[in-house]
């Protein structure tokens, strides 16, 4: 009997050839997993039919580990060993974390340490955010394999668009620890756009406004048939629903006139704050009651008006990156066809109102904001796993949020890949040596929009050795920046003559600070004029130093060509240039350079004549003519 090749509806492969792939939304507050099953994108529920998995992990003193709802129930009972909102710690140092003083955790290491990802002491030892996140991902993997009845071929995991290299790498490491094969890291707004675009057949310019528990992203996309093109992105990787909860928490402390509270009571009040925020989504007033360990009883009422007032600045913080993203895309709000709302925090009435007023149209809420990211990730995962069906030939064009470049002489930033470049992308630029006989070059990779390296974020340093000794400017060093589809960077430096090469995978110890990410783009524009002046000054200083070294080298070899008076004049010009190049008067530097060039013009001519005479010495005219 022949075996028929029967395909499932909507699938191109036979059932026995179908590769199991999932999309995972690793959220600050909740996480979930989705897949494409029989041509339909679905969220996978747990054994009790619950789609969401609270992003909470509890480390018990008895060695028992709990994830999700069970861990969530222990938040107020054992706050030190119950880790919530771990996503806000990914790839970040202690100094990068807002409101760290109110957190009940026992942070490991030196509080003044400038580098290294934050770590937490638990009843089961010191844990990094990567390890905690791995437990959440492991639970989702087990759920998926149980539901699908087989081992996963791979997963697409979503990250905020404004996650930097360190945060992306930390997420990828967590997935690896959880036993997942990462097919792609996909930006959350882009995943949402895929789900919305394919579900609604949408075409045109759309904005994806993504406010989750701990992060905010705004992406402007152009949706056309078969193409999802990100035009610009912006956001804040340390702004989310948790910050709204914190405002309510602070209001409760003030309204109830409470003295400093214990970690247990603080976690209890934070839970009540979150519950009140969610209650106000559909009600005008939220009662808040709690009995503290001190015997005090909290009984206050939070109105919608008060909540709107105390969170007004947070709402405005989301509109700043939104305006910036539109400017980068060269668009005005009225050119946007629709605004897709993503993330549980977008349910807040003040968010819906502010976004509606800014864009002049009602936001699109026809897809569940909690699920839409995971659904988009599942569609992408299904495609990358090779389960391609008819009509699945669509193209995804994502971008990087911040410029990537290299330090050049004078501490200047040379941007290799500008922000909002479509990824994956590879760009190269040639550089040369500064000094005669230079055999090595130190390379410093930076991220940011400012002209000077000191104003940008340092990502990595490495060296290229084996450069053949040449005169300054003769060597050709080709530096290549490559950003993969996950948004991760690698840099290669290659000496073109010999083929000597050095390469580095950029994996910084932790990412940008809370303020740096949002401020880098802002600074790039507000300081544009000042930066241009400083860059021109620095370039003049570098050129002056190059000229001085060239003159001094020539004097060392052929000083006998000058009379004492001429040598004194040249020395005086050099001394003047050395003096003015330390200042900030670019015109004075240019003037001193011109004076030195004119003062050495005759010297240069004599050196050239001497070189010609040496070359022709002992040669016959007939030899030269032949």
Protein backbone atom coordinates (compact mmCIF):
# COMPACT_ATOMS: atom_id res chain seq x y z
CA UNK A 1 0.00 0.00 0.00
CA UNK A 2 1.37 3.39 -1.03
CA UNK A 3 1.87 6.14 1.59
CA UNK A 4 0.14 9.34 0.63
CA UNK A 5 1.88 12.72 1.30
CA UNK A 6 -1.03 14.40 3.05
CA UNK A 7 -0.48 17.93 4.31
CA UNK A 8 -2.25 19.50 7.25
CA UNK A 9 -4.48 22.46 6.35
CA UNK A 10 -2.29 25.49 5.81
CA UNK A 11 0.93 23.52 6.07
CA UNK A 12 3.38 22.66 3.34
CA UNK A 13 5.00 19.70 5.04
CA UNK A 14 3.57 16.35 5.75
CA UNK A 15 2.54 15.76 9.36
CA UNK A 16 5.53 13.55 10.05
CA UNK A 17 7.87 16.20 8.61
CA UNK A 18 6.46 19.16 10.52
CA UNK A 19 9.11 20.72 12.81
CA UNK A 20 7.88 21.95 16.18
CA UNK A 21 8.69 25.61 16.71
CA UNK A 22 7.34 28.20 19.14
CA UNK A 23 7.34 31.91 19.76
CA UNK A 24 8.03 33.06 23.32
CA UNK A 25 7.19 36.45 24.79
CA UNK A 26 9.50 36.69 27.81
CA UNK A 27 7.72 39.50 29.62
CA UNK A 28 8.50 41.54 32.73
CA UNK A 29 5.19 40.68 34.41
CA UNK A 30 3.90 37.68 32.46
CA UNK A 31 5.32 35.36 29.82
CA UNK A 32 3.65 33.08 27.31
CA UNK A 33 4.36 30.66 24.47
CA UNK A 34 2.57 30.29 21.14
CA UNK A 35 2.82 28.10 18.05
CA UNK A 36 1.31 27.55 14.61
CA UNK A 37 -0.94 24.52 14.71
CA UNK A 38 -2.91 23.32 11.66
CA UNK A 39 -2.32 26.67 10.00
CA UNK A 40 -3.65 28.60 13.00
CA UNK A 41 -1.58 30.63 15.46
CA UNK A 42 -2.49 29.71 19.03
CA UNK A 43 -1.25 30.42 22.54
CA UNK A 44 -0.42 27.25 24.48
CA UNK A 45 -2.15 26.97 27.86
CA UNK A 46 -0.94 25.14 30.97
CA UNK A 47 -2.68 22.06 32.38
CA UNK A 48 -5.30 24.30 34.06
CA UNK A 49 -6.07 26.19 30.85
CA UNK A 50 -4.15 29.36 31.81
CA UNK A 51 -2.33 31.09 28.90
CA UNK A 52 -0.15 33.42 30.98
CA UNK A 53 2.80 32.40 33.13
CA UNK A 54 3.70 35.03 35.77
CA UNK A 55 7.39 35.89 35.37
CA UNK A 56 8.10 35.03 39.01
CA UNK A 57 10.57 32.50 40.46
CA UNK A 58 10.72 31.37 44.11
CA UNK A 59 13.82 29.71 45.56
CA UNK A 60 12.76 27.71 48.62
CA UNK A 61 15.04 27.05 51.60
CA UNK A 62 14.31 23.31 51.20
CA UNK A 63 15.75 23.33 47.68
CA UNK A 64 12.32 23.40 46.07
CA UNK A 65 11.91 25.73 43.09
CA UNK A 66 8.60 27.25 41.96
CA UNK A 67 7.80 29.22 38.81
CA UNK A 68 4.66 31.12 37.84
CA UNK A 69 1.47 31.21 39.86
CA UNK A 70 2.89 29.10 42.71
CA UNK A 71 5.85 31.47 43.05
CA UNK A 72 3.57 34.51 42.76
CA UNK A 73 1.61 33.34 45.80
CA UNK A 74 4.80 33.61 47.90
CA UNK A 75 5.62 37.22 46.97
CA UNK A 76 4.63 38.72 50.29
CA UNK A 77 5.50 35.65 52.39
CA UNK A 78 9.12 35.33 51.26
CA UNK A 79 10.00 38.45 49.22
CA UNK A 80 13.77 38.03 49.47
CA UNK A 81 13.68 34.66 47.71
CA UNK A 82 10.84 35.45 45.31
CA UNK A 83 12.19 37.20 42.23
CA UNK A 84 9.73 39.32 40.22
CA UNK A 85 10.24 41.53 37.14
CA UNK A 86 13.66 39.94 36.53
CA UNK A 87 13.62 41.26 32.95
CA UNK A 88 14.53 44.70 34.32
CA UNK A 89 17.80 43.21 35.65
CA UNK A 90 18.90 41.53 32.40
CA UNK A 91 22.33 42.73 31.31
CA UNK A 92 22.33 45.55 33.87
CA UNK A 93 24.54 46.65 36.77
CA UNK A 94 23.37 47.83 40.18
CA UNK A 95 23.73 51.48 39.24
CA UNK A 96 21.41 50.96 36.28
CA UNK A 97 18.38 49.80 38.28
CA UNK A 98 15.75 52.33 39.36
CA UNK A 99 14.21 52.18 42.86
CA UNK A 100 16.75 49.56 43.96
CA UNK A 101 16.52 50.89 47.53
CA UNK A 102 12.87 49.77 47.80
CA UNK A 103 13.54 46.23 46.59
CA UNK A 104 13.56 43.43 49.17
CA UNK A 105 16.40 41.44 47.57
CA UNK A 106 19.84 40.72 49.00
CA UNK A 107 22.10 41.91 46.20
CA UNK A 108 25.48 40.22 45.97
CA UNK A 109 28.78 42.00 45.41
CA UNK A 110 30.06 45.50 45.97
CA UNK A 111 27.32 48.13 45.64
CA UNK A 112 29.84 50.53 44.14
CA UNK A 113 30.96 48.10 41.47
CA UNK A 114 30.74 49.78 38.09
CA UNK A 115 30.74 46.64 35.98
CA UNK A 116 29.08 43.28 35.88
CA UNK A 117 25.49 42.14 35.85
CA UNK A 118 23.63 42.40 39.12
CA UNK A 119 23.28 39.16 41.15
CA UNK A 120 20.93 38.18 43.96
CA UNK A 121 21.50 36.03 47.04
CA UNK A 122 18.76 33.46 47.55
CA UNK A 123 18.15 30.46 49.77
CA UNK A 124 19.65 28.38 46.95
CA UNK A 125 22.77 30.47 46.46
CA UNK A 126 23.67 33.48 44.33
CA UNK A 127 21.57 33.73 41.16
CA UNK A 128 22.04 35.92 38.11
CA UNK A 129 19.10 37.36 36.14
CA UNK A 130 20.11 35.01 33.32
CA UNK A 131 19.58 31.98 35.57
CA UNK A 132 16.24 33.28 36.87
CA UNK A 133 15.01 33.99 33.34
CA UNK A 134 16.18 30.52 32.28
CA UNK A 135 13.79 28.96 34.83
CA UNK A 136 10.85 30.89 33.31
CA UNK A 137 11.87 29.85 29.79
CA UNK A 138 12.33 26.24 30.92
CA UNK A 139 8.75 26.18 32.25
CA UNK A 140 7.47 27.47 28.93
CA UNK A 141 9.55 24.89 27.04
CA UNK A 142 8.15 22.05 29.15
CA UNK A 143 4.61 23.39 28.61
CA UNK A 144 5.14 23.55 24.85
CA UNK A 145 6.67 20.08 24.55
CA UNK A 146 3.87 18.57 26.64
CA UNK A 147 1.21 20.33 24.55
CA UNK A 148 2.79 19.58 21.15
CA UNK A 149 3.91 16.07 22.04
CA UNK A 150 7.51 16.30 20.96
CA UNK A 151 10.86 18.04 21.23
CA UNK A 152 11.08 21.61 19.99
CA UNK A 153 13.19 22.30 16.90
CA UNK A 154 13.62 25.92 17.89
CA UNK A 155 12.13 29.09 19.32
CA UNK A 156 11.88 32.76 18.45
CA UNK A 157 12.18 34.87 21.60
CA UNK A 158 11.06 38.47 21.65
CA UNK A 159 12.99 41.35 23.20
CA UNK A 160 12.24 45.08 23.49
CA UNK A 161 13.43 46.97 20.42
CA UNK A 162 15.53 49.18 22.68
CA UNK A 163 17.40 46.30 24.31
CA UNK A 164 21.15 46.85 23.78
CA UNK A 165 23.72 44.17 22.94
CA UNK A 166 24.26 43.14 26.56
CA UNK A 167 20.55 42.68 27.23
CA UNK A 168 20.07 40.71 23.99
CA UNK A 169 23.04 38.49 24.75
CA UNK A 170 21.75 37.86 28.29
CA UNK A 171 18.37 36.80 26.86
CA UNK A 172 20.06 34.44 24.40
CA UNK A 173 22.18 32.93 27.20
CA UNK A 174 19.06 32.38 29.32
CA UNK A 175 17.39 30.52 26.45
CA UNK A 176 20.47 28.36 26.02
CA UNK A 177 20.39 27.50 29.74
CA UNK A 178 16.72 26.56 29.36
CA UNK A 179 17.56 24.06 26.62
CA UNK A 180 16.10 26.11 23.77
CA UNK A 181 17.52 26.46 20.27
CA UNK A 182 17.13 30.17 19.52
CA UNK A 183 16.14 30.66 15.90
CA UNK A 184 15.95 34.43 16.22
CA UNK A 185 15.68 37.28 18.71
CA UNK A 186 12.79 39.36 17.42
CA UNK A 187 11.90 42.90 18.49
CA UNK A 188 8.56 42.95 20.32
CA UNK A 189 6.90 45.74 18.28
CA UNK A 190 7.93 44.00 15.07
CA UNK A 191 6.45 40.70 16.27
CA UNK A 192 3.20 42.52 17.09
CA UNK A 193 3.17 44.14 13.63
CA UNK A 194 3.57 40.71 11.98
CA UNK A 195 0.63 39.31 13.94
CA UNK A 196 -1.55 42.36 13.32
CA UNK A 197 -0.59 42.75 9.66
CA UNK A 198 -1.17 39.11 8.74
CA UNK A 199 -4.37 38.86 10.80
CA UNK A 200 -5.95 42.02 9.36
CA UNK A 201 -4.34 42.17 5.93
CA UNK A 202 -3.19 45.67 6.86
CA UNK A 203 -1.13 47.84 4.52
CA UNK A 204 0.33 51.34 5.01
CA UNK A 205 2.17 53.14 7.81
CA UNK A 206 1.47 51.82 11.32
CA UNK A 207 2.85 52.66 14.75
CA UNK A 208 3.27 49.94 17.35
CA UNK A 209 3.03 51.36 20.86
CA UNK A 210 4.33 48.73 23.28
CA UNK A 211 4.14 49.45 27.02
CA UNK A 212 4.85 46.31 29.05
CA UNK A 213 5.61 45.71 32.70
CA UNK A 214 9.18 46.98 32.54
CA UNK A 215 9.92 48.33 29.05
CA UNK A 216 8.52 50.77 26.51
CA UNK A 217 8.99 50.61 22.73
CA UNK A 218 7.61 52.57 19.83
CA UNK A 219 8.18 51.39 16.27
CA UNK A 220 7.03 52.93 12.99
CA UNK A 221 6.48 50.29 10.31
CA UNK A 222 5.48 50.26 6.68
CA UNK A 223 3.30 47.26 5.95
CA UNK A 224 2.96 46.20 2.33
CA UNK A 225 1.98 42.90 0.81
CA UNK A 226 4.66 40.49 1.91
CA UNK A 227 6.95 43.14 3.44
CA UNK A 228 7.22 44.35 7.05
CA UNK A 229 9.65 47.26 7.04
CA UNK A 230 10.63 49.02 10.26
CA UNK A 231 11.23 52.70 9.45
CA UNK A 232 12.29 53.88 12.90
CA UNK A 233 12.25 52.76 16.50
CA UNK A 234 12.60 54.37 19.91
CA UNK A 235 11.75 53.76 23.51
CA UNK A 236 13.00 53.33 27.04
CA UNK A 237 14.24 49.97 28.31
CA UNK A 238 13.54 51.01 31.91
CA UNK A 239 9.98 52.34 31.72
CA UNK A 240 6.86 50.23 32.14
CA UNK A 241 3.85 49.27 34.19
CA UNK A 242 6.08 48.59 37.21
CA UNK A 243 6.83 52.33 37.36
CA UNK A 244 3.12 53.11 37.51
CA UNK A 245 2.81 50.56 40.35
CA UNK A 246 5.67 52.30 42.16
CA UNK A 247 3.91 55.67 41.92
CA UNK A 248 0.80 54.13 43.48
CA UNK A 249 2.97 52.44 46.15
CA UNK A 250 4.54 55.79 47.09
CA UNK A 251 1.05 57.39 47.16
CA UNK A 252 -0.20 54.66 49.55
CA UNK A 253 2.76 55.28 51.91
CA UNK A 254 2.00 59.01 51.90
CA UNK A 255 -1.81 58.72 52.07
CA UNK A 256 -1.71 56.22 54.95
CA UNK A 257 1.06 58.22 56.70
CA UNK A 258 3.20 55.10 57.12
CA UNK A 259 6.71 55.04 58.50
CA UNK A 260 9.41 53.05 56.60
CA UNK A 261 8.00 49.55 56.06
CA UNK A 262 9.62 46.11 56.20
CA UNK A 263 10.46 44.15 53.00
CA UNK A 264 7.41 41.93 53.62
CA UNK A 265 5.07 44.90 53.99
CA UNK A 266 6.66 46.69 51.04
CA UNK A 267 6.02 43.70 48.75
CA UNK A 268 2.43 43.42 50.10
CA UNK A 269 1.74 47.10 49.36
CA UNK A 270 3.33 46.78 45.90
CA UNK A 271 0.92 43.92 45.18
CA UNK A 272 -2.01 46.06 46.36
CA UNK A 273 -0.75 48.92 44.17
CA UNK A 274 -0.76 46.69 41.10
CA UNK A 275 -4.22 45.36 41.90
CA UNK A 276 -5.52 48.94 42.30
CA UNK A 277 -3.99 49.97 38.95
CA UNK A 278 -5.69 47.04 37.19
CA UNK A 279 -9.02 47.72 38.99
CA UNK A 280 -9.02 51.33 37.76
CA UNK A 281 -8.97 50.11 34.16
CA UNK A 282 -12.76 49.58 34.35
CA UNK A 283 -13.69 51.39 37.59
CA UNK A 284 -13.50 54.98 38.75
CA UNK A 285 -12.28 54.19 42.26
CA UNK A 286 -10.12 51.45 43.79
CA UNK A 287 -10.24 50.55 47.51
CA UNK A 288 -6.83 49.59 48.93
CA UNK A 289 -6.72 47.62 52.18
CA UNK A 290 -3.86 45.75 53.86
CA UNK A 291 -2.85 44.60 57.34
CA UNK A 292 0.85 45.16 57.98
CA UNK A 293 3.16 43.08 60.14
CA UNK A 294 3.30 45.99 62.63
CA UNK A 295 -0.43 45.67 63.25
CA UNK A 296 -1.19 48.84 61.28
CA UNK A 297 -4.20 48.68 58.95
CA UNK A 298 -4.12 50.45 55.60
CA UNK A 299 -7.49 51.60 54.24
CA UNK A 300 -7.36 54.21 51.45
CA UNK A 301 -9.19 54.86 48.17
CA UNK A 302 -7.41 55.66 44.91
CA UNK A 303 -9.50 57.52 42.33
CA UNK A 304 -8.92 57.63 38.59
CA UNK A 305 -8.24 61.37 38.86
CA UNK A 306 -5.51 60.90 41.47
CA UNK A 307 -3.97 58.01 39.53
CA UNK A 308 -3.90 60.08 36.34
CA UNK A 309 -2.26 62.98 38.16
CA UNK A 310 0.49 61.00 39.90
CA UNK A 311 1.42 59.17 36.68
CA UNK A 312 1.15 62.13 34.27
CA UNK A 313 4.95 62.46 33.89
CA UNK A 314 5.30 58.73 33.09
CA UNK A 315 2.73 59.02 30.30
CA UNK A 316 4.61 62.02 28.89
CA UNK A 317 7.87 60.03 28.99
CA UNK A 318 6.36 57.65 26.41
CA UNK A 319 5.41 60.47 24.03
CA UNK A 320 8.97 61.84 23.79
CA UNK A 321 10.41 58.72 22.07
CA UNK A 322 7.22 58.55 19.97
CA UNK A 323 7.84 62.05 18.55
CA UNK A 324 11.49 61.19 17.96
CA UNK A 325 10.65 57.95 16.10
CA UNK A 326 8.25 59.83 13.83
CA UNK A 327 10.91 62.49 13.10
CA UNK A 328 13.43 59.76 12.23
CA UNK A 329 10.89 58.21 9.88
CA UNK A 330 10.17 61.63 8.30
CA UNK A 331 6.48 61.38 9.16
CA UNK A 332 3.83 63.37 10.99
CA UNK A 333 1.21 61.79 13.32
CA UNK A 334 -1.58 62.25 10.77
CA UNK A 335 0.34 60.12 8.21
CA UNK A 336 0.06 57.09 10.50
CA UNK A 337 -2.84 54.88 9.43
CA UNK A 338 -3.24 53.18 12.80
CA UNK A 339 -1.65 52.64 16.22
CA UNK A 340 -1.42 49.04 17.41
CA UNK A 341 -1.46 48.82 21.21
CA UNK A 342 0.75 46.13 22.73
CA UNK A 343 1.48 45.18 26.35
CA UNK A 344 -0.78 44.88 29.37
CA UNK A 345 0.01 48.41 30.60
CA UNK A 346 -1.67 49.92 27.50
CA UNK A 347 -5.03 49.02 29.05
CA UNK A 348 -4.72 52.04 31.38
CA UNK A 349 -7.31 54.65 30.32
CA UNK A 350 -4.81 57.56 30.50
CA UNK A 351 -2.51 55.74 28.07
CA UNK A 352 -5.34 55.08 25.62
CA UNK A 353 -6.45 58.72 25.87
CA UNK A 354 -2.95 60.24 25.45
CA UNK A 355 -2.08 58.05 22.45
CA UNK A 356 -5.45 58.75 20.84
CA UNK A 357 -5.04 62.51 21.28
CA UNK A 358 -1.46 62.52 19.94
CA UNK A 359 -2.21 60.54 16.77
CA UNK A 360 -5.70 61.99 16.32
CA UNK A 361 -7.38 58.56 16.07
CA UNK A 362 -8.57 55.78 18.31
CA UNK A 363 -5.86 53.19 19.03
CA UNK A 364 -6.30 49.68 17.60
CA UNK A 365 -7.21 47.19 20.32
CA UNK A 366 -8.74 44.36 18.28
CA UNK A 367 -5.90 42.00 19.23
CA UNK A 368 -5.19 40.97 22.83
CA UNK A 369 -2.23 43.17 23.89
CA UNK A 370 -0.95 40.38 26.14
CA UNK A 371 -0.87 37.80 23.33
CA UNK A 372 -0.10 39.65 20.11
CA UNK A 373 3.72 39.60 20.56
CA UNK A 374 3.86 35.85 21.21
CA UNK A 375 1.58 35.19 18.21
CA UNK A 376 3.85 37.19 15.90
CA UNK A 377 6.91 35.38 17.25
CA UNK A 378 5.21 32.02 16.61
CA UNK A 379 4.54 32.94 12.96
CA UNK A 380 8.21 33.88 12.51
CA UNK A 381 9.38 30.71 14.32
CA UNK A 382 7.21 28.52 12.10
CA UNK A 383 8.74 30.10 9.02
CA UNK A 384 12.34 29.82 10.26
CA UNK A 385 11.82 26.19 11.21
CA UNK A 386 11.07 25.41 7.58
CA UNK A 387 7.32 24.90 7.82
CA UNK A 388 6.70 27.18 4.86
CA UNK A 389 3.20 27.16 3.41
CA UNK A 390 1.81 28.79 0.29
CA UNK A 391 1.56 32.54 0.84
CA UNK A 392 4.25 32.56 3.53
CA UNK A 393 6.76 34.38 1.35
CA UNK A 394 6.98 37.58 3.34
CA UNK A 395 10.02 39.69 4.19
CA UNK A 396 10.93 41.20 7.56
CA UNK A 397 13.14 44.31 7.60
CA UNK A 398 14.05 45.29 11.19
CA UNK A 399 16.45 48.03 12.36
CA UNK A 400 19.04 48.83 15.05
CA UNK A 401 18.09 51.59 17.52
CA UNK A 402 21.47 53.33 18.08
CA UNK A 403 24.49 54.09 15.87
CA UNK A 404 27.59 51.89 16.09
CA UNK A 405 31.06 53.24 15.43
CA UNK A 406 34.74 53.29 16.27
CA UNK A 407 37.09 55.70 18.02
CA UNK A 408 39.49 57.61 15.77
CA UNK A 409 42.43 59.91 16.61
CA UNK A 410 41.52 62.69 18.95
CA UNK A 411 38.75 60.73 20.69
CA UNK A 412 36.32 61.21 17.80
CA UNK A 413 33.48 58.82 16.94
CA UNK A 414 33.39 57.56 13.39
CA UNK A 415 29.92 56.06 12.84
CA UNK A 416 30.10 52.88 10.78
CA UNK A 417 26.46 51.79 11.04
CA UNK A 418 23.96 54.64 11.61
CA UNK A 419 20.84 54.19 13.76
CA UNK A 420 17.71 52.78 12.14
CA UNK A 421 19.82 50.78 9.65
CA UNK A 422 17.99 47.68 8.45
CA UNK A 423 19.35 44.42 9.89
CA UNK A 424 21.08 42.13 9.21
CA UNK A 425 23.69 44.58 7.98
CA UNK A 426 27.44 44.66 7.33
CA UNK A 427 29.39 47.83 6.63
CA UNK A 428 33.10 48.46 6.29
CA UNK A 429 35.43 51.44 6.30
CA UNK A 430 39.16 51.77 5.75
CA UNK A 431 41.51 53.42 8.24
CA UNK A 432 45.26 53.97 8.32
CA UNK A 433 48.15 54.37 10.76
CA UNK A 434 49.13 57.58 12.51
CA UNK A 435 52.87 57.05 13.01
CA UNK A 436 55.75 55.77 10.87
CA UNK A 437 56.58 52.13 11.52
CA UNK A 438 53.33 51.45 13.43
CA UNK A 439 52.83 47.66 13.71
CA UNK A 440 49.69 47.46 15.86
CA UNK A 441 46.39 49.27 16.22
CA UNK A 442 44.01 49.46 19.20
CA UNK A 443 40.33 49.51 18.23
CA UNK A 444 37.57 50.86 20.46
CA UNK A 445 33.94 50.05 19.54
CA UNK A 446 31.31 52.54 20.76
CA UNK A 447 27.53 53.06 20.60
CA UNK A 448 25.69 56.38 20.53
CA UNK A 449 24.88 59.53 18.58
CA UNK A 450 27.44 62.04 19.90
CA UNK A 451 30.61 63.13 18.08
CA UNK A 452 33.07 62.48 20.91
CA UNK A 453 33.81 59.03 22.32
CA UNK A 454 33.58 60.35 25.89
CA UNK A 455 29.88 61.09 25.28
CA UNK A 456 29.09 57.62 23.89
CA UNK A 457 28.82 54.15 25.42
CA UNK A 458 31.92 51.94 25.25
CA UNK A 459 31.11 48.44 23.97
CA UNK A 460 34.43 46.67 23.45
CA UNK A 461 38.18 47.06 22.85
CA UNK A 462 40.53 44.81 20.87
CA UNK A 463 43.88 44.99 19.03
CA UNK A 464 45.13 44.27 15.52
CA UNK A 465 48.80 43.22 15.43
CA UNK A 466 51.14 42.22 12.64
CA UNK A 467 50.84 45.40 10.57
CA UNK A 468 53.99 45.66 8.37
CA UNK A 469 56.13 48.74 9.23
CA UNK A 470 55.30 51.52 6.80
CA UNK A 471 55.26 55.29 6.67
CA UNK A 472 52.26 56.87 8.37
CA UNK A 473 49.17 56.74 6.20
CA UNK A 474 50.37 53.92 3.94
CA UNK A 475 48.75 50.98 5.77
CA UNK A 476 45.16 50.05 4.84
CA UNK A 477 43.13 48.69 7.74
CA UNK A 478 39.63 47.57 6.76
CA UNK A 479 37.23 47.54 9.73
CA UNK A 480 33.96 45.66 9.20
CA UNK A 481 30.91 45.96 11.46
CA UNK A 482 28.36 43.17 11.17
CA UNK A 483 25.00 43.09 12.95
CA UNK A 484 23.14 39.79 12.69
CA UNK A 485 19.39 39.24 12.57
CA UNK A 486 19.30 39.14 16.39
CA UNK A 487 20.80 42.63 16.58
CA UNK A 488 24.13 41.33 17.95
CA UNK A 489 27.37 42.94 16.76
CA UNK A 490 30.71 41.53 15.65
CA UNK A 491 33.68 43.63 14.48
CA UNK A 492 36.58 42.55 12.24
CA UNK A 493 39.79 44.47 11.52
CA UNK A 494 41.96 43.29 8.58
CA UNK A 495 45.26 44.62 7.28
CA UNK A 496 44.84 44.52 3.51
CA UNK A 497 48.48 43.91 2.51
CA UNK A 498 49.30 40.93 4.72
CA UNK A 499 45.82 39.67 5.46
CA UNK A 500 46.40 39.81 9.23
CA UNK A 501 42.99 39.83 10.90
CA UNK A 502 41.51 40.34 14.36
CA UNK A 503 37.87 39.80 15.31
CA UNK A 504 35.67 40.33 18.36
CA UNK A 505 32.11 39.35 19.28
CA UNK A 506 30.81 42.34 21.18
CA UNK A 507 29.53 41.09 24.52
CA UNK A 508 29.68 43.93 27.06
CA UNK A 509 29.35 43.04 30.73
CA UNK A 510 26.11 44.97 31.02
CA UNK A 511 24.11 47.43 29.05
CA UNK A 512 23.27 51.09 28.88
CA UNK A 513 22.06 52.91 31.97
CA UNK A 514 18.42 53.91 32.35
CA UNK A 515 19.05 57.47 31.29
CA UNK A 516 21.70 56.80 28.65
CA UNK A 517 19.46 54.99 26.19
CA UNK A 518 16.80 57.71 26.16
CA UNK A 519 19.30 60.55 26.43
CA UNK A 520 21.75 59.48 23.71
CA UNK A 521 19.46 60.39 20.83
CA UNK A 522 18.26 63.54 22.56
CA UNK A 523 21.84 64.63 23.21
CA UNK A 524 22.77 63.94 19.63
CA UNK A 525 20.39 66.70 18.50
CA UNK A 526 20.54 69.16 21.39
CA UNK A 527 24.35 69.22 21.23
CA UNK A 528 24.68 69.09 17.45
CA UNK A 529 26.17 72.59 17.07
CA UNK A 530 28.50 72.20 20.03
CA UNK A 531 29.56 68.75 18.82
CA UNK A 532 30.36 70.09 15.36
CA UNK A 533 32.63 72.76 16.90
CA UNK A 534 34.34 70.26 19.20
CA UNK A 535 34.85 67.80 16.34
CA UNK A 536 36.40 70.50 14.12
CA UNK A 537 38.68 71.56 16.99
CA UNK A 538 39.76 67.98 17.68
CA UNK A 539 40.44 67.35 13.99
CA UNK A 540 42.58 70.52 13.85
CA UNK A 541 44.52 69.35 16.92
CA UNK A 542 45.14 65.93 15.36
CA UNK A 543 46.31 67.52 12.09
CA UNK A 544 48.60 69.91 14.03
CA UNK A 545 50.18 67.00 15.89
CA UNK A 546 50.70 65.15 12.61
CA UNK A 547 52.42 68.22 11.08
CA UNK A 548 54.70 68.73 14.11
CA UNK A 549 55.80 65.07 14.04
CA UNK A 550 56.50 65.27 10.29
CA UNK A 551 58.61 68.44 10.70
CA UNK A 552 60.54 67.01 13.67
CA UNK A 553 61.24 63.80 11.72
CA UNK A 554 62.54 65.84 8.76
CA UNK A 555 64.74 67.98 11.02
CA UNK A 556 66.20 64.87 12.60
CA UNK A 557 67.31 63.61 9.16
CA UNK A 558 68.27 66.79 7.26
CA UNK A 559 68.79 69.63 9.71
CA UNK A 560 72.09 70.50 7.96
CA UNK A 561 70.11 71.95 5.04
CA UNK A 562 69.06 74.91 7.21
CA UNK A 563 71.12 77.83 8.44
CA UNK A 564 71.06 78.62 12.17
CA UNK A 565 68.69 81.51 11.53
CA UNK A 566 66.35 79.36 9.42
CA UNK A 567 66.40 76.55 12.02
CA UNK A 568 65.54 79.04 14.76
CA UNK A 569 62.56 80.28 12.71
CA UNK A 570 61.27 76.73 12.16
CA UNK A 571 61.69 75.90 15.86
CA UNK A 572 59.77 79.05 16.77
CA UNK A 573 56.89 78.07 14.43
CA UNK A 574 56.79 74.56 15.94
CA UNK A 575 56.79 75.98 19.49
CA UNK A 576 53.96 78.37 18.63
CA UNK A 577 51.86 75.57 17.13
CA UNK A 578 52.50 73.34 20.17
CA UNK A 579 51.32 76.14 22.43
CA UNK A 580 48.10 77.04 20.57
CA UNK A 581 47.04 73.45 19.81
CA UNK A 582 46.42 72.90 23.52
CA UNK A 583 43.76 75.62 23.53
CA UNK A 584 40.26 75.76 22.04
CA UNK A 585 40.83 78.40 19.33
CA UNK A 586 40.62 76.48 16.04
CA UNK A 587 41.42 79.56 13.96
CA UNK A 588 44.62 80.12 15.96
CA UNK A 589 45.61 76.49 15.37
CA UNK A 590 44.90 76.80 11.62
CA UNK A 591 46.95 80.03 11.53
CA UNK A 592 49.90 78.45 13.35
CA UNK A 593 49.76 75.45 10.97
CA UNK A 594 49.84 77.76 7.95
CA UNK A 595 52.81 79.65 9.44
CA UNK A 596 54.70 76.39 10.02
CA UNK A 597 53.90 75.16 6.50
CA UNK A 598 55.18 78.42 4.96
CA UNK A 599 58.22 78.42 7.28
CA UNK A 600 59.22 74.95 6.14
CA UNK A 601 58.38 75.32 2.43
CA UNK A 602 61.99 76.16 1.48
CA UNK A 603 63.26 73.35 3.71
CA UNK A 604 60.93 70.90 1.94
CA UNK A 605 62.16 72.07 -1.47
CA UNK A 606 65.80 71.60 -0.45
CA UNK A 607 65.05 68.08 0.82
CA UNK A 608 63.39 67.21 -2.46
CA UNK A 609 66.35 68.55 -4.47
CA UNK A 610 68.70 66.56 -2.28
CA UNK A 611 66.66 63.39 -2.87
CA UNK A 612 66.69 63.97 -6.64
CA UNK A 613 70.44 64.57 -6.64
CA UNK A 614 71.04 61.37 -4.71
CA UNK A 615 68.85 59.43 -7.11
CA UNK A 616 70.65 60.82 -10.18
CA UNK A 617 74.17 60.66 -8.78
CA UNK A 618 76.47 58.57 -11.01
CA UNK A 619 73.79 58.11 -13.73
CA UNK A 620 74.26 59.03 -17.43
CA UNK A 621 71.66 60.99 -19.35
CA UNK A 622 71.47 58.17 -21.90
CA UNK A 623 70.49 55.77 -19.12
CA UNK A 624 67.71 58.06 -18.04
CA UNK A 625 66.42 58.51 -21.58
CA UNK A 626 66.24 54.77 -22.13
